[in-house]
């Protein structure tokens, strides 16, 4: 009972702890992102990056990518009942130093990430896997 009370107090003191969706790894295994509520939106912050990912980002002028928001300004998009949760917003591409429109869809342990250059044209999608 005491553990339950302490947990509830901790969550009340820090609402961000209650609103974490997990840490997800990209398909190449080079980057891990923590998906969590950021104020009234959802964001994905880089928590781990390989030496290769850091070097690729550095070539584009990004010398520090740990702590950088990769998924930004994501707001919930209504979905039909039974469909996975989806958010629309922006995806930042560190090795290109470019922000594109995008979306993330969460279904179980899979976070499907989509980024598009021109509306819904020139899009790329990846499935990221929850690691924690």
Protein backbone atom coordinates (compact mmCIF):
# COMPACT_ATOMS: atom_id res chain seq x y z
CA UNK A 1 0.00 0.00 0.00
CA UNK A 2 2.82 2.39 0.84
CA UNK A 3 4.41 1.70 -2.58
CA UNK A 4 1.13 2.54 -4.30
CA UNK A 5 0.82 5.84 -2.41
CA UNK A 6 4.45 6.76 -3.20
CA UNK A 7 3.94 5.96 -6.88
CA UNK A 8 0.79 8.08 -7.04
CA UNK A 9 2.57 10.99 -5.33
CA UNK A 10 5.49 10.71 -7.74
CA UNK A 11 3.20 10.72 -10.77
CA UNK A 12 1.22 13.66 -9.41
CA UNK A 13 4.43 15.61 -8.83
CA UNK A 14 5.76 14.84 -12.31
CA UNK A 15 2.99 14.26 -14.88
CA UNK A 16 5.55 13.63 -17.63
CA UNK A 17 6.34 10.30 -15.97
CA UNK A 18 2.74 9.21 -16.44
CA UNK A 19 2.74 10.17 -20.11
CA UNK A 20 5.66 8.22 -21.53
CA UNK A 21 4.83 5.84 -24.36
CA UNK A 22 8.21 4.12 -24.40
CA UNK A 23 11.60 4.17 -26.08
CA UNK A 24 11.71 3.06 -29.71
CA UNK A 25 14.66 2.00 -31.92
CA UNK A 26 14.83 2.77 -35.64
CA UNK A 27 15.17 -0.11 -38.15
CA UNK A 28 18.95 0.28 -38.54
CA UNK A 29 19.42 0.26 -34.76
CA UNK A 30 21.34 3.55 -34.85
CA UNK A 31 18.89 5.78 -32.93
CA UNK A 32 16.56 5.40 -29.93
CA UNK A 33 13.80 7.91 -29.26
CA UNK A 34 11.71 8.41 -26.13
CA UNK A 35 8.09 9.08 -27.10
CA UNK A 36 6.27 11.17 -24.50
CA UNK A 37 3.77 13.95 -23.95
CA UNK A 38 5.35 17.39 -24.29
CA UNK A 39 2.90 19.87 -22.85
CA UNK A 40 -0.23 19.40 -24.98
CA UNK A 41 1.52 17.58 -27.81
CA UNK A 42 3.50 14.42 -28.36
CA UNK A 43 7.22 14.48 -29.08
CA UNK A 44 10.05 12.05 -29.62
CA UNK A 45 13.42 12.91 -28.12
CA UNK A 46 16.67 11.17 -29.07
CA UNK A 47 18.05 9.34 -26.02
CA UNK A 48 20.68 7.16 -27.72
CA UNK A 49 22.59 7.36 -31.01
CA UNK A 50 25.37 5.29 -32.53
CA UNK A 51 28.69 6.81 -33.56
CA UNK A 52 27.55 6.51 -37.19
CA UNK A 53 24.29 8.43 -36.54
CA UNK A 54 26.22 11.14 -34.69
CA UNK A 55 28.79 11.40 -37.52
CA UNK A 56 26.06 11.57 -40.20
CA UNK A 57 24.28 14.35 -38.28
CA UNK A 58 27.57 16.20 -37.74
CA UNK A 59 28.15 16.26 -41.51
CA UNK A 60 24.84 18.17 -41.79
CA UNK A 61 25.89 20.58 -39.03
CA UNK A 62 24.21 18.92 -36.04
CA UNK A 63 26.98 18.32 -33.52
CA UNK A 64 24.75 17.26 -30.60
CA UNK A 65 21.76 15.04 -31.33
CA UNK A 66 21.18 13.44 -27.93
CA UNK A 67 18.27 15.37 -26.41
CA UNK A 68 17.11 16.66 -29.79
CA UNK A 69 13.42 16.32 -30.68
CA UNK A 70 13.13 14.08 -33.72
CA UNK A 71 9.31 13.99 -33.69
CA UNK A 72 7.78 17.42 -33.07
CA UNK A 73 4.43 19.15 -32.62
CA UNK A 74 2.51 15.90 -32.91
CA UNK A 75 -1.21 16.27 -32.26
CA UNK A 76 -3.73 13.42 -32.07
CA UNK A 77 -5.61 12.59 -35.25
CA UNK A 78 -9.07 11.03 -34.80
CA UNK A 79 -9.14 7.43 -35.97
CA UNK A 80 -12.03 5.03 -36.52
CA UNK A 81 -12.82 2.84 -33.53
CA UNK A 82 -10.40 -0.06 -33.23
CA UNK A 83 -7.67 1.63 -35.28
CA UNK A 84 -4.21 2.35 -33.79
CA UNK A 85 -3.50 5.75 -32.23
CA UNK A 86 -2.03 8.31 -34.65
CA UNK A 87 -0.48 11.76 -34.29
CA UNK A 88 0.34 14.23 -37.09
CA UNK A 89 3.08 16.83 -36.94
CA UNK A 90 6.72 17.07 -38.00
CA UNK A 91 9.69 14.75 -38.32
CA UNK A 92 13.22 16.16 -38.12
CA UNK A 93 15.93 14.43 -40.16
CA UNK A 94 19.27 15.24 -38.47
CA UNK A 95 21.56 13.95 -41.23
CA UNK A 96 19.74 16.18 -43.74
CA UNK A 97 19.11 19.07 -41.27
CA UNK A 98 15.55 19.16 -42.53
CA UNK A 99 12.08 19.11 -40.96
CA UNK A 100 9.27 17.47 -42.94
CA UNK A 101 5.58 16.91 -42.31
CA UNK A 102 4.92 13.55 -40.78
CA UNK A 103 2.95 11.25 -38.58
CA UNK A 104 3.47 8.47 -36.07
CA UNK A 105 1.12 5.57 -35.46
CA UNK A 106 1.43 3.44 -32.34
CA UNK A 107 0.25 -0.16 -32.46
CA UNK A 108 1.53 -2.35 -29.65
CA UNK A 109 5.33 -2.45 -29.76
CA UNK A 110 5.54 -0.88 -33.22
CA UNK A 111 5.77 2.85 -33.89
CA UNK A 112 5.22 3.51 -37.60
CA UNK A 113 6.87 6.78 -38.59
CA UNK A 114 6.11 8.56 -41.86
CA UNK A 115 7.76 11.69 -43.21
CA UNK A 116 6.79 13.52 -46.41
CA UNK A 117 8.44 16.33 -48.37
CA UNK A 118 5.46 17.58 -50.39
CA UNK A 119 2.14 16.98 -48.62
CA UNK A 120 1.54 13.27 -49.09
CA UNK A 121 4.04 13.01 -51.94
CA UNK A 122 7.65 11.88 -51.66
CA UNK A 123 7.09 9.99 -48.41
CA UNK A 124 9.19 7.48 -46.51
CA UNK A 125 7.97 5.20 -43.75
CA UNK A 126 9.78 3.18 -41.10
CA UNK A 127 8.66 0.85 -38.33
CA UNK A 128 10.44 1.53 -35.05
CA UNK A 129 10.37 -1.15 -32.31
CA UNK A 130 9.78 -0.50 -28.60
CA UNK A 131 12.90 -1.39 -26.61
CA UNK A 132 11.67 -0.19 -23.17
